[in-house]
PDB file of N, CA and C in Angstrom:
ATOM      1  N   MET A   1     144.541 110.890  55.057  1.00  0.00           N
ATOM      2  CA  MET A   1     145.195 110.427  56.312  1.00  0.00           C
ATOM      3  C   MET A   1     144.238 109.838  57.380  1.00  0.00           C
ATOM      4  N   LYS A   2     142.901 110.381  57.438  1.00  0.00           N
ATOM      5  CA  LYS A   2     141.955 109.800  58.244  1.00  0.00           C
ATOM      6  C   LYS A   2     141.514 108.493  57.905  1.00  0.00           C
ATOM      7  N   ASN A   3     141.444 108.290  56.585  1.00  0.00           N
ATOM      8  CA  ASN A   3     141.084 106.886  56.029  1.00  0.00           C
ATOM      9  C   ASN A   3     142.031 105.815  56.595  1.00  0.00           C
ATOM     10  N   LEU A   4     143.253 106.116  56.688  1.00  0.00           N
ATOM     11  CA  LEU A   4     144.433 105.229  57.016  1.00  0.00           C
ATOM     12  C   LEU A   4     144.349 105.035  58.510  1.00  0.00           C
ATOM     13  N   LEU A   5     143.952 105.835  59.238  1.00  0.00           N
ATOM     14  CA  LEU A   5     143.868 105.728  60.771  1.00  0.00           C
ATOM     15  C   LEU A   5     142.661 105.042  61.278  1.00  0.00           C
ATOM     16  N   LEU A   6     141.585 105.043  60.472  1.00  0.00           N
ATOM     17  CA  LEU A   6     140.316 104.313  60.814  1.00  0.00           C
ATOM     18  C   LEU A   6     140.419 102.891  61.128  1.00  0.00           C
ATOM     19  N   PRO A   7     141.204 102.003  60.435  1.00  0.00           N
ATOM     20  CA  PRO A   7     141.319 100.597  60.597  1.00  0.00           C
ATOM     21  C   PRO A   7     142.177 100.453  61.953  1.00  0.00           C
ATOM     22  N   LEU A   8     143.222 101.330  62.206  1.00  0.00           N
ATOM     23  CA  LEU A   8     143.942 101.194  63.283  1.00  0.00           C
ATOM     24  C   LEU A   8     142.981 101.629  64.621  1.00  0.00           C
ATOM     25  N   LYS A   9     142.415 102.465  64.515  1.00  0.00           N
ATOM     26  CA  LYS A   9     141.437 103.020  65.666  1.00  0.00           C
ATOM     27  C   LYS A   9     140.605 101.837  65.987  1.00  0.00           C
ATOM     28  N   LYS A  10     139.879 101.070  64.908  1.00  0.00           N
ATOM     29  CA  LYS A  10     139.014 100.075  65.284  1.00  0.00           C
ATOM     30  C   LYS A  10     139.724  98.884  65.831  1.00  0.00           C
ATOM     31  N   THR A  11     141.084  98.511  65.398  1.00  0.00           N
ATOM     32  CA  THR A  11     141.863  97.554  66.022  1.00  0.00           C
ATOM     33  C   THR A  11     142.207  97.735  67.448  1.00  0.00           C
ATOM     34  N   LEU A  12     142.415  99.007  67.664  1.00  0.00           N
ATOM     35  CA  LEU A  12     142.908  99.368  69.036  1.00  0.00           C
ATOM     36  C   LEU A  12     141.571  99.470  70.012  1.00  0.00           C
ATOM     37  N   LEU A  13     140.480  99.775  69.612  1.00  0.00           N
ATOM     38  CA  LEU A  13     139.115  99.732  70.400  1.00  0.00           C
ATOM     39  C   LEU A  13     138.899  98.256  70.629  1.00  0.00           C
ATOM     40  N   THR A  14     138.971  97.432  69.649  1.00  0.00           N
ATOM     41  CA  THR A  14     138.602  96.060  69.770  1.00  0.00           C
ATOM     42  C   THR A  14     139.755  95.343  70.736  1.00  0.00           C
ATOM     43  N   ALA A  15     141.046  95.760  70.769  1.00  0.00           N
ATOM     44  CA  ALA A  15     141.844  95.112  71.700  1.00  0.00           C
ATOM     45  C   ALA A  15     141.563  95.604  73.017  1.00  0.00           C
ATOM     46  N   SER A  16     141.462  96.887  73.213  1.00  0.00           N
ATOM     47  CA  SER A  16     140.991  97.464  74.565  1.00  0.00           C
ATOM     48  C   SER A  16     139.754  96.770  75.171  1.00  0.00           C
ATOM     49  N   LEU A  17     138.805  96.438  74.328  1.00  0.00           N
ATOM     50  CA  LEU A  17     137.581  95.946  74.905  1.00  0.00           C
ATOM     51  C   LEU A  17     137.851  94.460  75.276  1.00  0.00           C
ATOM     52  N   LEU A  18     138.674  93.678  74.457  1.00  0.00           N
ATOM     53  CA  LEU A  18     139.057  92.408  74.812  1.00  0.00           C
ATOM     54  C   LEU A  18     139.972  92.335  76.123  1.00  0.00           C
ATOM     55  N   CYS A  19     140.716  93.251  76.319  1.00  0.00           N
ATOM     56  CA  CYS A  19     141.616  93.326  77.530  1.00  0.00           C
ATOM     57  C   CYS A  19     140.756  93.666  78.664  1.00  0.00           C
ATOM     58  N   ALA A  20     139.753  94.407  78.720  1.00  0.00           N
ATOM     59  CA  ALA A  20     139.002  94.790  79.705  1.00  0.00           C
ATOM     60  C   ALA A  20     138.014  93.580  80.162  1.00  0.00           C
ATOM     61  N   ALA A  21     137.619  92.753  79.153  1.00  0.00           N
ATOM     62  CA  ALA A  21     136.778  91.493  79.350  1.00  0.00           C
ATOM     63  C   ALA A  21     137.348  90.425  79.913  1.00  0.00           C
ATOM     64  N   LEU A  22     138.581  90.151  79.385  1.00  0.00           N
ATOM     65  CA  LEU A  22     139.339  88.816  79.813  1.00  0.00           C
ATOM     66  C   LEU A  22     139.450  88.686  81.244  1.00  0.00           C
ATOM     67  N   PRO A  23     139.888  89.519  81.979  1.00  0.00           N
ATOM     68  CA  PRO A  23     140.106  89.267  83.496  1.00  0.00           C
ATOM     69  C   PRO A  23     138.821  88.673  84.302  1.00  0.00           C
ATOM     70  N   GLN A  24     137.743  89.474  83.867  1.00  0.00           N
ATOM     71  CA  GLN A  24     136.469  88.904  84.338  1.00  0.00           C
ATOM     72  C   GLN A  24     136.033  87.704  84.057  1.00  0.00           C
ATOM     73  N   ILE A  25     136.392  87.272  82.835  1.00  0.00           N
ATOM     74  CA  ILE A  25     136.062  85.827  82.539  1.00  0.00           C
ATOM     75  C   ILE A  25     137.125  84.805  83.374  1.00  0.00           C
ATOM     76  N   ALA A  26     138.283  85.254  83.353  1.00  0.00           N
ATOM     77  CA  ALA A  26     139.267  84.351  84.119  1.00  0.00           C
ATOM     78  C   ALA A  26     138.952  84.274  85.480  1.00  0.00           C
ATOM     79  N   GLN A  27     138.468  85.351  86.043  1.00  0.00           N
ATOM     80  CA  GLN A  27     138.077  85.293  87.676  1.00  0.00           C
ATOM     81  C   GLN A  27     136.828  84.378  87.772  1.00  0.00           C
ATOM     82  N   ALA A  28     135.774  84.389  86.965  1.00  0.00           N
ATOM     83  CA  ALA A  28     134.691  83.612  87.020  1.00  0.00           C
ATOM     84  C   ALA A  28     135.082  82.116  86.855  1.00  0.00           C
ATOM     85  N   ASP A  29     136.133  81.875  86.013  1.00  0.00           N
ATOM     86  CA  ASP A  29     136.460  80.488  85.826  1.00  0.00           C
ATOM     87  C   ASP A  29     137.281  79.894  87.089  1.00  0.00           C
ATOM     88  N   LEU A  30     137.899  80.922  87.536  1.00  0.00           N
ATOM     89  CA  LEU A  30     138.802  80.533  88.981  1.00  0.00           C
ATOM     90  C   LEU A  30     137.857  80.298  90.018  1.00  0.00           C
ATOM     91  N   LEU A  31     136.843  81.141  90.172  1.00  0.00           N
ATOM     92  CA  LEU A  31     135.931  80.686  91.313  1.00  0.00           C
ATOM     93  C   LEU A  31     135.088  79.524  91.132  1.00  0.00           C
ATOM     94  N   ASP A  32     134.638  79.220  89.730  1.00  0.00           N
ATOM     95  CA  ASP A  32     134.139  77.884  89.583  1.00  0.00           C
ATOM     96  C   ASP A  32     134.987  76.827  89.718  1.00  0.00           C
ATOM     97  N   ASP A  33     136.323  76.974  89.488  1.00  0.00           N
ATOM     98  CA  ASP A  33     137.169  75.803  89.875  1.00  0.00           C
ATOM     99  C   ASP A  33     137.357  75.497  91.294  1.00  0.00           C
ATOM    100  N   ILE A  34     137.530  76.622  92.154  1.00  0.00           N
ATOM    101  CA  ILE A  34     137.504  76.606  93.472  1.00  0.00           C
ATOM    102  C   ILE A  34     136.465  75.902  94.067  1.00  0.00           C
ATOM    103  N   LYS A  35     135.248  76.226  93.572  1.00  0.00           N
ATOM    104  CA  LYS A  35     133.987  75.655  94.215  1.00  0.00           C
ATOM    105  C   LYS A  35     133.890  74.218  93.779  1.00  0.00           C
ATOM    106  N   GLN A  36     134.321  73.862  92.703  1.00  0.00           N
ATOM    107  CA  GLN A  36     134.148  72.477  92.206  1.00  0.00           C
ATOM    108  C   GLN A  36     135.272  71.500  92.871  1.00  0.00           C
ATOM    109  N   LYS A  37     136.449  72.019  93.131  1.00  0.00           N
ATOM    110  CA  LYS A  37     137.400  71.349  93.771  1.00  0.00           C
ATOM    111  C   LYS A  37     137.094  71.066  95.288  1.00  0.00           C
ATOM    112  N   GLY A  38     136.394  72.165  95.864  1.00  0.00           N
ATOM    113  CA  GLY A  38     135.955  72.306  97.248  1.00  0.00           C
ATOM    114  C   GLY A  38     137.169  72.629  98.279  1.00  0.00           C
ATOM    115  N   GLU A  39     138.254  73.189  97.543  1.00  0.00           N
ATOM    116  CA  GLU A  39     139.237  73.567  98.448  1.00  0.00           C
ATOM    117  C   GLU A  39     140.014  74.818  97.773  1.00  0.00           C
ATOM    118  N   ILE A  40     140.595  75.570  98.699  1.00  0.00           N
ATOM    119  CA  ILE A  40     141.329  76.884  98.065  1.00  0.00           C
ATOM    120  C   ILE A  40     142.677  76.727  98.794  1.00  0.00           C
ATOM    121  N   VAL A  41     143.746  76.948  97.994  1.00  0.00           N
ATOM    122  CA  VAL A  41     145.114  77.172  98.672  1.00  0.00           C
ATOM    123  C   VAL A  41     145.659  78.437  98.707  1.00  0.00           C
ATOM    124  N   ILE A  42     146.102  78.712  99.743  1.00  0.00           N
ATOM    125  CA  ILE A  42     146.597  80.203  99.945  1.00  0.00           C
ATOM    126  C   ILE A  42     147.942  79.978 100.549  1.00  0.00           C
ATOM    127  N   ALA A  43     148.929  80.764 100.089  1.00  0.00           N
ATOM    128  CA  ALA A  43     150.255  80.914 100.698  1.00  0.00           C
ATOM    129  C   ALA A  43     150.466  82.299 101.394  1.00  0.00           C
ATOM    130  N   THR A  44     151.202  82.228 102.531  1.00  0.00           N
ATOM    131  CA  THR A  44     151.414  83.468 103.262  1.00  0.00           C
ATOM    132  C   THR A  44     152.780  83.294 104.026  1.00  0.00           C
ATOM    133  N   GLU A  45     153.320  84.466 104.409  1.00  0.00           N
ATOM    134  CA  GLU A  45     154.525  84.640 105.238  1.00  0.00           C
ATOM    135  C   GLU A  45     153.995  85.103 106.482  1.00  0.00           C
ATOM    136  N   ALA A  46     154.093  84.357 107.475  1.00  0.00           N
ATOM    137  CA  ALA A  46     153.616  84.755 108.819  1.00  0.00           C
ATOM    138  C   ALA A  46     154.714  85.459 109.746  1.00  0.00           C
ATOM    139  N   ARG A  47     155.268  86.614 109.117  1.00  0.00           N
ATOM    140  CA  ARG A  47     156.328  87.254 109.870  1.00  0.00           C
ATOM    141  C   ARG A  47     156.007  88.598 110.196  1.00  0.00           C
ATOM    142  N   TYR A  48     155.008  89.099 109.932  1.00  0.00           N
ATOM    143  CA  TYR A  48     154.582  90.424 109.997  1.00  0.00           C
ATOM    144  C   TYR A  48     153.603  90.823 110.925  1.00  0.00           C
ATOM    145  N   ALA A  49     154.044  90.647 112.264  1.00  0.00           N
ATOM    146  CA  ALA A  49     153.035  91.067 113.421  1.00  0.00           C
ATOM    147  C   ALA A  49     152.542  92.529 113.266  1.00  0.00           C
ATOM    148  N   PRO A  50     151.456  92.794 113.403  1.00  0.00           N
ATOM    149  CA  PRO A  50     150.302  92.177 113.879  1.00  0.00           C
ATOM    150  C   PRO A  50     149.432  91.451 112.914  1.00  0.00           C
ATOM    151  N   PHE A  51     149.857  91.772 111.624  1.00  0.00           N
ATOM    152  CA  PHE A  51     149.035  91.222 110.482  1.00  0.00           C
ATOM    153  C   PHE A  51     148.973  89.796 110.298  1.00  0.00           C
ATOM    154  N   GLU A  52     150.221  89.097 110.437  1.00  0.00           N
ATOM    155  CA  GLU A  52     150.325  87.701 110.418  1.00  0.00           C
ATOM    156  C   GLU A  52     151.539  87.321 111.366  1.00  0.00           C
ATOM    157  N   MET A  53     151.220  86.294 112.257  1.00  0.00           N
ATOM    158  CA  MET A  53     152.376  85.854 113.032  1.00  0.00           C
ATOM    159  C   MET A  53     152.075  84.346 113.462  1.00  0.00           C
ATOM    160  N   LEU A  54     153.108  83.649 113.865  1.00  0.00           N
ATOM    161  CA  LEU A  54     152.966  82.266 114.455  1.00  0.00           C
ATOM    162  C   LEU A  54     152.823  82.607 115.873  1.00  0.00           C
ATOM    163  N   GLU A  55     151.671  81.754 116.568  1.00  0.00           N
ATOM    164  CA  GLU A  55     151.552  81.807 117.991  1.00  0.00           C
ATOM    165  C   GLU A  55     151.206  80.155 118.247  1.00  0.00           C
ATOM    166  N   ASP A  56     152.080  79.485 119.078  1.00  0.00           N
ATOM    167  CA  ASP A  56     151.922  78.206 119.315  1.00  0.00           C
ATOM    168  C   ASP A  56     151.669  77.298 117.920  1.00  0.00           C
ATOM    169  N   GLY A  57     152.557  77.682 117.064  1.00  0.00           N
ATOM    170  CA  GLY A  57     152.461  76.869 115.730  1.00  0.00           C
ATOM    171  C   GLY A  57     151.221  77.111 114.846  1.00  0.00           C
ATOM    172  N   LYS A  58     150.498  78.065 115.218  1.00  0.00           N
ATOM    173  CA  LYS A  58     149.393  78.449 114.279  1.00  0.00           C
ATOM    174  C   LYS A  58     149.442  79.903 113.778  1.00  0.00           C
ATOM    175  N   ILE A  59     149.078  80.059 112.779  1.00  0.00           N
ATOM    176  CA  ILE A  59     149.036  81.540 112.024  1.00  0.00           C
ATOM    177  C   ILE A  59     147.734  82.194 112.824  1.00  0.00           C
ATOM    178  N   VAL A  60     148.160  83.442 113.311  1.00  0.00           N
ATOM    179  CA  VAL A  60     147.206  84.279 113.760  1.00  0.00           C
ATOM    180  C   VAL A  60     147.482  85.797 113.394  1.00  0.00           C
ATOM    181  N   GLY A  61     146.441  86.725 113.583  1.00  0.00           N
ATOM    182  CA  GLY A  61     146.621  88.018 113.137  1.00  0.00           C
ATOM    183  C   GLY A  61     145.490  88.558 112.267  1.00  0.00           C
ATOM    184  N   TYR A  62     145.575  89.810 111.969  1.00  0.00           N
ATOM    185  CA  TYR A  62     144.533  90.514 111.166  1.00  0.00           C
ATOM    186  C   TYR A  62     144.290  89.765 109.820  1.00  0.00           C
ATOM    187  N   GLY A  63     145.542  89.407 109.199  1.00  0.00           N
ATOM    188  CA  GLY A  63     145.230  88.784 107.777  1.00  0.00           C
ATOM    189  C   GLY A  63     144.532  87.478 107.940  1.00  0.00           C
ATOM    190  N   LYS A  64     144.702  86.742 109.016  1.00  0.00           N
ATOM    191  CA  LYS A  64     144.156  85.448 109.259  1.00  0.00           C
ATOM    192  C   LYS A  64     142.679  85.647 109.482  1.00  0.00           C
ATOM    193  N   ASP A  65     142.305  86.791 110.309  1.00  0.00           N
ATOM    194  CA  ASP A  65     140.943  86.974 110.649  1.00  0.00           C
ATOM    195  C   ASP A  65     140.224  87.468 109.333  1.00  0.00           C
ATOM    196  N   ILE A  66     140.845  88.262 108.433  1.00  0.00           N
ATOM    197  CA  ILE A  66     140.148  88.708 107.267  1.00  0.00           C
ATOM    198  C   ILE A  66     139.876  87.402 106.255  1.00  0.00           C
ATOM    199  N   LEU A  67     141.045  86.709 106.154  1.00  0.00           N
ATOM    200  CA  LEU A  67     140.736  85.421 105.480  1.00  0.00           C
ATOM    201  C   LEU A  67     139.743  84.607 105.888  1.00  0.00           C
ATOM    202  N   ASP A  68     139.688  84.340 107.171  1.00  0.00           N
ATOM    203  CA  ASP A  68     138.620  83.496 107.695  1.00  0.00           C
ATOM    204  C   ASP A  68     137.171  84.165 107.287  1.00  0.00           C
ATOM    205  N   GLN A  69     136.888  85.399 107.412  1.00  0.00           N
ATOM    206  CA  GLN A  69     135.799  86.050 107.021  1.00  0.00           C
ATOM    207  C   GLN A  69     135.423  85.679 105.486  1.00  0.00           C
ATOM    208  N   ILE A  70     136.499  85.971 104.693  1.00  0.00           N
ATOM    209  CA  ILE A  70     136.261  85.776 103.260  1.00  0.00           C
ATOM    210  C   ILE A  70     135.872  84.283 102.935  1.00  0.00           C
ATOM    211  N   LEU A  71     136.458  83.406 103.586  1.00  0.00           N
ATOM    212  CA  LEU A  71     136.295  82.025 103.302  1.00  0.00           C
ATOM    213  C   LEU A  71     134.823  81.596 103.815  1.00  0.00           C
ATOM    214  N   LYS A  72     134.437  82.134 104.927  1.00  0.00           N
ATOM    215  CA  LYS A  72     133.227  82.020 105.397  1.00  0.00           C
ATOM    216  C   LYS A  72     132.124  82.426 104.402  1.00  0.00           C
ATOM    217  N   ASP A  73     132.286  83.504 103.789  1.00  0.00           N
ATOM    218  CA  ASP A  73     131.454  84.342 102.762  1.00  0.00           C
ATOM    219  C   ASP A  73     131.357  83.321 101.467  1.00  0.00           C
ATOM    220  N   LEU A  74     132.596  82.769 101.192  1.00  0.00           N
ATOM    221  CA  LEU A  74     132.700  81.924  99.928  1.00  0.00           C
ATOM    222  C   LEU A  74     131.880  80.685 100.089  1.00  0.00           C
ATOM    223  N   THR A  75     131.981  79.929 101.372  1.00  0.00           N
ATOM    224  CA  THR A  75     131.173  78.783 101.499  1.00  0.00           C
ATOM    225  C   THR A  75     129.650  79.001 101.656  1.00  0.00           C
ATOM    226  N   ARG A  76     129.442  80.221 102.059  1.00  0.00           N
ATOM    227  CA  ARG A  76     127.826  80.462 102.045  1.00  0.00           C
ATOM    228  C   ARG A  76     127.310  80.593 100.662  1.00  0.00           C
ATOM    229  N   GLY A  77     127.966  81.214  99.823  1.00  0.00           N
ATOM    230  CA  GLY A  77     127.392  81.472  98.398  1.00  0.00           C
ATOM    231  C   GLY A  77     127.612  80.365  97.537  1.00  0.00           C
TER     232      GLY A  77
END
């Protein structure tokens, strides 16, 4: 019985390792794509004060402040 389960265990281990590695590869590609294009597109719903809201036609709030800081860090690196 052990001999029958060994190939299954190897297959499951290989699949697990691949599943763990693929998101990291995809993230690296996404960051490279963003840097190459020189732009990032972000969607939001500015209806949840104080996190995001419209003020004089502009989005303001905690979410905008955090996003501005992230974008500043991305443009530095």
